[in-house]
PDB file of N, CA and C in Angstrom:
ATOM      1  N   UNK A   1     166.375  67.804 -21.162  1.00  0.00           N
ATOM      2  CA  UNK A   1     165.847  67.609 -19.511  1.00  0.00           C
ATOM      3  C   UNK A   1     164.403  68.039 -19.566  1.00  0.00           C
ATOM      4  N   UNK A   2     163.348  67.250 -18.857  1.00  0.00           N
ATOM      5  CA  UNK A   2     161.936  67.969 -18.628  1.00  0.00           C
ATOM      6  C   UNK A   2     162.009  67.834 -17.296  1.00  0.00           C
ATOM      7  N   UNK A   3     161.267  68.927 -16.806  1.00  0.00           N
ATOM      8  CA  UNK A   3     161.100  69.596 -15.594  1.00  0.00           C
ATOM      9  C   UNK A   3     159.827  69.255 -15.006  1.00  0.00           C
ATOM     10  N   UNK A   4     159.430  68.788 -13.982  1.00  0.00           N
ATOM     11  CA  UNK A   4     158.098  68.313 -13.814  1.00  0.00           C
ATOM     12  C   UNK A   4     157.728  68.408 -12.220  1.00  0.00           C
ATOM     13  N   UNK A   5     156.674  69.257 -11.956  1.00  0.00           N
ATOM     14  CA  UNK A   5     156.580  69.394 -10.489  1.00  0.00           C
ATOM     15  C   UNK A   5     155.655  68.297  -9.930  1.00  0.00           C
ATOM     16  N   UNK A   6     156.289  67.652  -8.783  1.00  0.00           N
ATOM     17  CA  UNK A   6     155.290  66.188  -8.232  1.00  0.00           C
ATOM     18  C   UNK A   6     155.467  66.637  -6.494  1.00  0.00           C
ATOM     19  N   UNK A   7     154.712  65.820  -6.254  1.00  0.00           N
ATOM     20  CA  UNK A   7     154.276  65.791  -4.982  1.00  0.00           C
ATOM     21  C   UNK A   7     155.497  64.991  -4.241  1.00  0.00           C
ATOM     22  N   UNK A   8     156.097  65.700  -3.001  1.00  0.00           N
ATOM     23  CA  UNK A   8     157.243  64.526  -2.390  1.00  0.00           C
ATOM     24  C   UNK A   8     156.929  64.345  -1.123  1.00  0.00           C
ATOM     25  N   UNK A   9     156.062  64.975  -0.588  1.00  0.00           N
ATOM     26  CA  UNK A   9     155.478  64.746   0.810  1.00  0.00           C
ATOM     27  C   UNK A   9     154.148  64.872   0.977  1.00  0.00           C
ATOM     28  N   UNK A  10     153.400  63.469   1.441  1.00  0.00           N
ATOM     29  CA  UNK A  10     153.976  62.335   1.139  1.00  0.00           C
ATOM     30  C   UNK A  10     154.390  62.173  -0.484  1.00  0.00           C
ATOM     31  N   UNK A  11     155.644  61.426  -0.397  1.00  0.00           N
ATOM     32  CA  UNK A  11     155.919  60.824  -2.079  1.00  0.00           C
ATOM     33  C   UNK A  11     154.702  60.393  -3.033  1.00  0.00           C
ATOM     34  N   UNK A  12     154.295  61.140  -3.934  1.00  0.00           N
ATOM     35  CA  UNK A  12     153.817  60.764  -4.955  1.00  0.00           C
ATOM     36  C   UNK A  12     154.045  59.470  -5.734  1.00  0.00           C
ATOM     37  N   UNK A  13     153.303  58.855  -6.564  1.00  0.00           N
ATOM     38  CA  UNK A  13     153.886  57.673  -7.272  1.00  0.00           C
ATOM     39  C   UNK A  13     154.871  58.421  -8.110  1.00  0.00           C
ATOM     40  N   UNK A  14     154.718  59.544  -9.130  1.00  0.00           N
ATOM     41  CA  UNK A  14     155.625  60.247  -9.680  1.00  0.00           C
ATOM     42  C   UNK A  14     156.981  60.059  -9.054  1.00  0.00           C
ATOM     43  N   UNK A  15     156.784  61.017  -8.004  1.00  0.00           N
ATOM     44  CA  UNK A  15     158.043  61.030  -7.103  1.00  0.00           C
ATOM     45  C   UNK A  15     158.884  59.890  -7.115  1.00  0.00           C
ATOM     46  N   UNK A  16     158.079  58.683  -6.467  1.00  0.00           N
ATOM     47  CA  UNK A  16     158.591  57.581  -6.610  1.00  0.00           C
ATOM     48  C   UNK A  16     159.374  56.588  -8.041  1.00  0.00           C
ATOM     49  N   UNK A  17     158.670  56.979  -8.806  1.00  0.00           N
ATOM     50  CA  UNK A  17     159.201  56.808 -10.077  1.00  0.00           C
ATOM     51  C   UNK A  17     160.285  57.259 -10.679  1.00  0.00           C
ATOM     52  N   UNK A  18     160.698  58.668 -10.470  1.00  0.00           N
ATOM     53  CA  UNK A  18     161.295  59.576 -11.370  1.00  0.00           C
ATOM     54  C   UNK A  18     162.625  59.933 -10.063  1.00  0.00           C
ATOM     55  N   UNK A  19     162.650  59.455  -8.562  1.00  0.00           N
ATOM     56  CA  UNK A  19     163.633  59.840  -7.850  1.00  0.00           C
ATOM     57  C   UNK A  19     164.870  59.293  -8.103  1.00  0.00           C
ATOM     58  N   UNK A  20     165.111  58.568  -8.483  1.00  0.00           N
ATOM     59  CA  UNK A  20     166.660  57.838  -8.716  1.00  0.00           C
ATOM     60  C   UNK A  20     167.159  58.963 -10.155  1.00  0.00           C
ATOM     61  N   UNK A  21     166.183  58.894 -11.207  1.00  0.00           N
ATOM     62  CA  UNK A  21     166.924  59.558 -12.493  1.00  0.00           C
ATOM     63  C   UNK A  21     167.000  60.921 -11.831  1.00  0.00           C
ATOM     64  N   UNK A  22     166.247  61.912 -11.212  1.00  0.00           N
ATOM     65  CA  UNK A  22     166.422  63.245 -10.757  1.00  0.00           C
ATOM     66  C   UNK A  22     167.745  63.195  -9.728  1.00  0.00           C
ATOM     67  N   UNK A  23     167.770  62.131  -8.912  1.00  0.00           N
ATOM     68  CA  UNK A  23     169.069  61.907  -7.875  1.00  0.00           C
ATOM     69  C   UNK A  23     170.600  62.171  -8.875  1.00  0.00           C
ATOM     70  N   UNK A  24     170.295  61.275 -10.251  1.00  0.00           N
ATOM     71  CA  UNK A  24     171.479  61.161 -11.219  1.00  0.00           C
ATOM     72  C   UNK A  24     171.966  62.291 -11.530  1.00  0.00           C
ATOM     73  N   UNK A  25     170.955  63.155 -12.089  1.00  0.00           N
ATOM     74  CA  UNK A  25     170.996  64.760 -12.683  1.00  0.00           C
ATOM     75  C   UNK A  25     171.591  65.489 -11.494  1.00  0.00           C
ATOM     76  N   UNK A  26     170.987  65.542 -10.308  1.00  0.00           N
ATOM     77  CA  UNK A  26     171.780  66.424  -9.290  1.00  0.00           C
ATOM     78  C   UNK A  26     172.990  66.002  -9.516  1.00  0.00           C
ATOM     79  N   UNK A  27     173.333  64.914  -8.835  1.00  0.00           N
ATOM     80  CA  UNK A  27     174.728  64.433  -8.788  1.00  0.00           C
ATOM     81  C   UNK A  27     175.518  64.661  -9.916  1.00  0.00           C
ATOM     82  N   UNK A  28     175.238  64.488 -11.077  1.00  0.00           N
ATOM     83  CA  UNK A  28     176.131  64.931 -12.236  1.00  0.00           C
ATOM     84  C   UNK A  28     176.593  66.737 -11.986  1.00  0.00           C
ATOM     85  N   UNK A  29     175.118  67.331 -11.987  1.00  0.00           N
ATOM     86  CA  UNK A  29     175.685  68.860 -11.627  1.00  0.00           C
ATOM     87  C   UNK A  29     176.549  68.997 -10.370  1.00  0.00           C
ATOM     88  N   UNK A  30     176.482  68.562  -9.422  1.00  0.00           N
ATOM     89  CA  UNK A  30     177.356  68.554  -8.296  1.00  0.00           C
ATOM     90  C   UNK A  30     178.578  68.441  -8.722  1.00  0.00           C
ATOM     91  N   UNK A  31     178.673  66.945  -9.224  1.00  0.00           N
ATOM     92  CA  UNK A  31     180.241  66.917 -10.032  1.00  0.00           C
ATOM     93  C   UNK A  31     180.563  68.051 -10.995  1.00  0.00           C
ATOM     94  N   UNK A  32     179.985  68.023 -11.935  1.00  0.00           N
ATOM     95  CA  UNK A  32     180.490  69.069 -12.698  1.00  0.00           C
ATOM     96  C   UNK A  32     180.704  70.775 -12.255  1.00  0.00           C
ATOM     97  N   UNK A  33     179.507  71.305 -11.816  1.00  0.00           N
ATOM     98  CA  UNK A  33     179.654  72.677 -11.230  1.00  0.00           C
ATOM     99  C   UNK A  33     180.209  72.657 -10.164  1.00  0.00           C
ATOM    100  N   UNK A  34     180.286  71.787  -9.274  1.00  0.00           N
ATOM    101  CA  UNK A  34     181.155  72.329  -7.606  1.00  0.00           C
ATOM    102  C   UNK A  34     182.262  71.308  -7.707  1.00  0.00           C
ATOM    103  N   UNK A  35     182.520  70.440  -8.683  1.00  0.00           N
ATOM    104  CA  UNK A  35     183.302  69.462  -8.376  1.00  0.00           C
ATOM    105  C   UNK A  35     183.489  68.920  -6.971  1.00  0.00           C
ATOM    106  N   UNK A  36     182.245  68.272  -6.979  1.00  0.00           N
ATOM    107  CA  UNK A  36     182.395  66.954  -5.894  1.00  0.00           C
ATOM    108  C   UNK A  36     182.799  66.023  -6.423  1.00  0.00           C
ATOM    109  N   UNK A  37     183.548  65.055  -5.582  1.00  0.00           N
ATOM    110  CA  UNK A  37     183.738  63.740  -5.869  1.00  0.00           C
ATOM    111  C   UNK A  37     182.830  63.023  -6.253  1.00  0.00           C
ATOM    112  N   UNK A  38     182.746  61.678  -7.195  1.00  0.00           N
ATOM    113  CA  UNK A  38     181.759  61.175  -7.528  1.00  0.00           C
ATOM    114  C   UNK A  38     181.366  60.242  -6.293  1.00  0.00           C
ATOM    115  N   UNK A  39     181.566  59.880  -5.328  1.00  0.00           N
ATOM    116  CA  UNK A  39     181.224  59.765  -3.831  1.00  0.00           C
ATOM    117  C   UNK A  39     180.399  60.261  -3.190  1.00  0.00           C
ATOM    118  N   UNK A  40     180.336  61.516  -3.593  1.00  0.00           N
ATOM    119  CA  UNK A  40     179.164  62.848  -2.782  1.00  0.00           C
ATOM    120  C   UNK A  40     178.268  63.763  -3.938  1.00  0.00           C
ATOM    121  N   UNK A  41     177.569  64.226  -3.986  1.00  0.00           N
ATOM    122  CA  UNK A  41     176.413  63.733  -2.586  1.00  0.00           C
ATOM    123  C   UNK A  41     176.012  62.592  -2.607  1.00  0.00           C
ATOM    124  N   UNK A  42     176.027  61.641  -1.433  1.00  0.00           N
ATOM    125  CA  UNK A  42     174.994  60.337  -1.595  1.00  0.00           C
ATOM    126  C   UNK A  42     173.752  60.697  -1.425  1.00  0.00           C
ATOM    127  N   UNK A  43     173.013  59.708  -1.832  1.00  0.00           N
ATOM    128  CA  UNK A  43     171.293  59.691  -1.556  1.00  0.00           C
ATOM    129  C   UNK A  43     170.941  60.013  -0.468  1.00  0.00           C
ATOM    130  N   UNK A  44     171.454  59.935   0.709  1.00  0.00           N
ATOM    131  CA  UNK A  44     170.936  60.424   1.754  1.00  0.00           C
ATOM    132  C   UNK A  44     171.465  62.003   2.247  1.00  0.00           C
ATOM    133  N   UNK A  45     172.403  62.565   1.335  1.00  0.00           N
ATOM    134  CA  UNK A  45     172.018  63.779   1.515  1.00  0.00           C
ATOM    135  C   UNK A  45     171.163  65.069   0.436  1.00  0.00           C
ATOM    136  N   UNK A  46     170.474  64.250   0.019  1.00  0.00           N
ATOM    137  CA  UNK A  46     169.334  64.933  -0.893  1.00  0.00           C
ATOM    138  C   UNK A  46     168.546  65.005   0.093  1.00  0.00           C
ATOM    139  N   UNK A  47     167.979  66.412   0.173  1.00  0.00           N
ATOM    140  CA  UNK A  47     166.962  66.776   1.095  1.00  0.00           C
ATOM    141  C   UNK A  47     166.028  67.407   0.608  1.00  0.00           C
ATOM    142  N   UNK A  48     164.967  66.832   0.907  1.00  0.00           N
ATOM    143  CA  UNK A  48     163.473  67.362   0.315  1.00  0.00           C
ATOM    144  C   UNK A  48     162.653  68.303   1.621  1.00  0.00           C
ATOM    145  N   UNK A  49     162.450  69.607   0.986  1.00  0.00           N
ATOM    146  CA  UNK A  49     161.797  70.464   1.807  1.00  0.00           C
ATOM    147  C   UNK A  49     160.166  70.838   1.531  1.00  0.00           C
ATOM    148  N   UNK A  50     159.210  70.464   2.001  1.00  0.00           N
ATOM    149  CA  UNK A  50     157.795  70.997   1.679  1.00  0.00           C
ATOM    150  C   UNK A  50     157.845  72.286   1.464  1.00  0.00           C
ATOM    151  N   UNK A  51     157.176  73.389   0.347  1.00  0.00           N
ATOM    152  CA  UNK A  51     157.090  74.577   0.147  1.00  0.00           C
ATOM    153  C   UNK A  51     156.086  75.107   1.071  1.00  0.00           C
ATOM    154  N   UNK A  52     156.474  75.386   2.171  1.00  0.00           N
ATOM    155  CA  UNK A  52     155.164  76.317   3.202  1.00  0.00           C
ATOM    156  C   UNK A  52     156.294  77.051   4.294  1.00  0.00           C
ATOM    157  N   UNK A  53     155.849  78.314   4.102  1.00  0.00           N
ATOM    158  CA  UNK A  53     156.551  79.059   5.356  1.00  0.00           C
ATOM    159  C   UNK A  53     155.889  78.466   6.703  1.00  0.00           C
ATOM    160  N   UNK A  54     154.905  77.476   6.543  1.00  0.00           N
ATOM    161  CA  UNK A  54     154.593  77.011   8.023  1.00  0.00           C
ATOM    162  C   UNK A  54     155.603  75.957   8.452  1.00  0.00           C
ATOM    163  N   UNK A  55     156.231  75.821   7.537  1.00  0.00           N
ATOM    164  CA  UNK A  55     157.110  74.485   8.120  1.00  0.00           C
ATOM    165  C   UNK A  55     158.734  74.974   8.303  1.00  0.00           C
ATOM    166  N   UNK A  56     158.901  74.731   9.547  1.00  0.00           N
ATOM    167  CA  UNK A  56     160.291  75.189  10.025  1.00  0.00           C
ATOM    168  C   UNK A  56     161.656  75.008   9.090  1.00  0.00           C
ATOM    169  N   UNK A  57     161.658  73.790   8.322  1.00  0.00           N
ATOM    170  CA  UNK A  57     162.740  73.591   7.712  1.00  0.00           C
ATOM    171  C   UNK A  57     162.772  74.380   6.362  1.00  0.00           C
ATOM    172  N   UNK A  58     161.436  74.590   5.880  1.00  0.00           N
ATOM    173  CA  UNK A  58     161.400  75.596   4.887  1.00  0.00           C
ATOM    174  C   UNK A  58     161.998  76.976   4.987  1.00  0.00           C
ATOM    175  N   UNK A  59     161.359  77.472   6.095  1.00  0.00           N
ATOM    176  CA  UNK A  59     161.666  78.816   6.288  1.00  0.00           C
ATOM    177  C   UNK A  59     163.220  79.009   6.660  1.00  0.00           C
ATOM    178  N   UNK A  60     163.728  77.974   7.402  1.00  0.00           N
ATOM    179  CA  UNK A  60     165.170  78.308   7.698  1.00  0.00           C
ATOM    180  C   UNK A  60     166.067  77.785   6.447  1.00  0.00           C
ATOM    181  N   UNK A  61     165.441  77.117   5.404  1.00  0.00           N
ATOM    182  CA  UNK A  61     166.870  77.410   4.183  1.00  0.00           C
ATOM    183  C   UNK A  61     166.042  78.010   3.146  1.00  0.00           C
ATOM    184  N   UNK A  62     164.835  79.121   3.218  1.00  0.00           N
ATOM    185  CA  UNK A  62     164.408  79.766   2.287  1.00  0.00           C
ATOM    186  C   UNK A  62     165.529  80.688   1.376  1.00  0.00           C
ATOM    187  N   UNK A  63     166.448  81.846   2.382  1.00  0.00           N
ATOM    188  CA  UNK A  63     167.499  82.357   2.222  1.00  0.00           C
ATOM    189  C   UNK A  63     168.196  81.900   1.335  1.00  0.00           C
ATOM    190  N   UNK A  64     169.000  80.654   1.684  1.00  0.00           N
ATOM    191  CA  UNK A  64     170.016  80.037   1.142  1.00  0.00           C
ATOM    192  C   UNK A  64     169.090  79.602  -0.506  1.00  0.00           C
ATOM    193  N   UNK A  65     167.716  79.136  -0.367  1.00  0.00           N
ATOM    194  CA  UNK A  65     167.317  78.391  -1.790  1.00  0.00           C
ATOM    195  C   UNK A  65     167.159  79.846  -2.918  1.00  0.00           C
ATOM    196  N   UNK A  66     166.608  81.083  -2.222  1.00  0.00           N
ATOM    197  CA  UNK A  66     166.278  82.179  -2.862  1.00  0.00           C
ATOM    198  C   UNK A  66     167.771  82.660  -3.756  1.00  0.00           C
ATOM    199  N   UNK A  67     168.684  82.650  -2.536  1.00  0.00           N
ATOM    200  CA  UNK A  67     169.839  83.127  -3.152  1.00  0.00           C
ATOM    201  C   UNK A  67     170.567  81.945  -4.509  1.00  0.00           C
ATOM    202  N   UNK A  68     170.409  80.807  -4.385  1.00  0.00           N
ATOM    203  CA  UNK A  68     170.740  79.787  -5.269  1.00  0.00           C
ATOM    204  C   UNK A  68     169.692  79.743  -6.662  1.00  0.00           C
ATOM    205  N   UNK A  69     168.539  80.183  -6.478  1.00  0.00           N
ATOM    206  CA  UNK A  69     167.613  80.514  -7.414  1.00  0.00           C
ATOM    207  C   UNK A  69     168.120  81.746  -8.114  1.00  0.00           C
ATOM    208  N   UNK A  70     168.489  83.061  -7.413  1.00  0.00           N
ATOM    209  CA  UNK A  70     168.771  84.140  -8.260  1.00  0.00           C
ATOM    210  C   UNK A  70     170.083  84.090  -8.957  1.00  0.00           C
ATOM    211  N   UNK A  71     170.958  83.488  -8.711  1.00  0.00           N
ATOM    212  CA  UNK A  71     172.454  82.892  -9.098  1.00  0.00           C
ATOM    213  C   UNK A  71     172.383  82.485 -10.394  1.00  0.00           C
ATOM    214  N   UNK A  72     171.215  81.190 -10.046  1.00  0.00           N
ATOM    215  CA  UNK A  72     170.970  80.299 -11.623  1.00  0.00           C
ATOM    216  C   UNK A  72     170.332  81.194 -12.436  1.00  0.00           C
ATOM    217  N   UNK A  73     169.378  81.797 -12.186  1.00  0.00           N
ATOM    218  CA  UNK A  73     168.545  82.697 -13.029  1.00  0.00           C
ATOM    219  C   UNK A  73     169.627  83.736 -13.861  1.00  0.00           C
ATOM    220  N   UNK A  74     170.227  84.660 -13.218  1.00  0.00           N
ATOM    221  CA  UNK A  74     171.210  85.562 -13.830  1.00  0.00           C
ATOM    222  C   UNK A  74     172.134  85.032 -14.622  1.00  0.00           C
ATOM    223  N   UNK A  75     172.899  83.806 -14.149  1.00  0.00           N
ATOM    224  CA  UNK A  75     173.625  82.918 -15.148  1.00  0.00           C
ATOM    225  C   UNK A  75     173.432  82.114 -16.093  1.00  0.00           C
ATOM    226  N   UNK A  76     172.410  81.753 -16.233  1.00  0.00           N
ATOM    227  CA  UNK A  76     171.789  80.995 -17.153  1.00  0.00           C
ATOM    228  C   UNK A  76     170.782  81.619 -17.832  1.00  0.00           C
ATOM    229  N   UNK A  77     169.865  82.470 -17.356  1.00  0.00           N
ATOM    230  CA  UNK A  77     169.046  83.004 -18.178  1.00  0.00           C
ATOM    231  C   UNK A  77     169.062  84.494 -18.552  1.00  0.00           C
ATOM    232  N   UNK A  78     170.198  84.806 -17.759  1.00  0.00           N
ATOM    233  CA  UNK A  78     170.656  86.479 -17.844  1.00  0.00           C
ATOM    234  C   UNK A  78     169.511  87.205 -17.356  1.00  0.00           C
ATOM    235  N   UNK A  79     168.791  87.124 -16.177  1.00  0.00           N
ATOM    236  CA  UNK A  79     167.988  87.462 -15.992  1.00  0.00           C
ATOM    237  C   UNK A  79     168.939  89.043 -14.954  1.00  0.00           C
ATOM    238  N   UNK A  80     168.257  90.038 -14.710  1.00  0.00           N
ATOM    239  CA  UNK A  80     168.433  90.881 -13.842  1.00  0.00           C
ATOM    240  C   UNK A  80     168.050  90.580 -12.420  1.00  0.00           C
ATOM    241  N   UNK A  81     168.891  91.387 -11.381  1.00  0.00           N
ATOM    242  CA  UNK A  81     168.648  91.085 -10.011  1.00  0.00           C
ATOM    243  C   UNK A  81     167.040  91.469  -9.589  1.00  0.00           C
ATOM    244  N   UNK A  82     166.629  92.147 -10.222  1.00  0.00           N
ATOM    245  CA  UNK A  82     165.337  92.706  -9.955  1.00  0.00           C
ATOM    246  C   UNK A  82     164.481  91.579 -10.558  1.00  0.00           C
ATOM    247  N   UNK A  83     164.747  90.714 -11.358  1.00  0.00           N
ATOM    248  CA  UNK A  83     164.259  89.758 -11.745  1.00  0.00           C
ATOM    249  C   UNK A  83     163.913  88.413 -11.175  1.00  0.00           C
ATOM    250  N   UNK A  84     165.027  88.556  -9.767  1.00  0.00           N
ATOM    251  CA  UNK A  84     165.169  87.205  -9.158  1.00  0.00           C
ATOM    252  C   UNK A  84     164.816  87.769  -7.621  1.00  0.00           C
ATOM    253  N   UNK A  85     163.676  88.186  -7.157  1.00  0.00           N
ATOM    254  CA  UNK A  85     163.439  88.629  -6.156  1.00  0.00           C
ATOM    255  C   UNK A  85     162.772  87.494  -5.436  1.00  0.00           C
ATOM    256  N   UNK A  86     162.663  87.516  -4.293  1.00  0.00           N
ATOM    257  CA  UNK A  86     162.409  86.534  -3.383  1.00  0.00           C
ATOM    258  C   UNK A  86     160.720  85.859  -3.894  1.00  0.00           C
ATOM    259  N   UNK A  87     159.930  87.049  -4.394  1.00  0.00           N
ATOM    260  CA  UNK A  87     158.600  86.752  -4.798  1.00  0.00           C
ATOM    261  C   UNK A  87     158.659  85.848  -6.228  1.00  0.00           C
ATOM    262  N   UNK A  88     160.035  85.749  -6.723  1.00  0.00           N
ATOM    263  CA  UNK A  88     159.739  84.927  -7.947  1.00  0.00           C
ATOM    264  C   UNK A  88     160.274  83.752  -7.518  1.00  0.00           C
TER     265      UNK A  88
END
């Protein structure tokens, strides 16, 4: 697994070139971890949100994203809750 930060809005050439592969990793994760059926999530359910507190969609999903990040860090990397604050 290779993690790379690419511009998604507007979509960069790297984003366009890797979207399908990234979607397949995401879909596999959803099926294994969340027991989603193979037909879910669809490609239309993938939501990209610009990282900016000026963006209403980012602000509205920030708490959910921060909670998911903390759960991931504590489960996979054994971080403590104090290591997973909103600033991280």
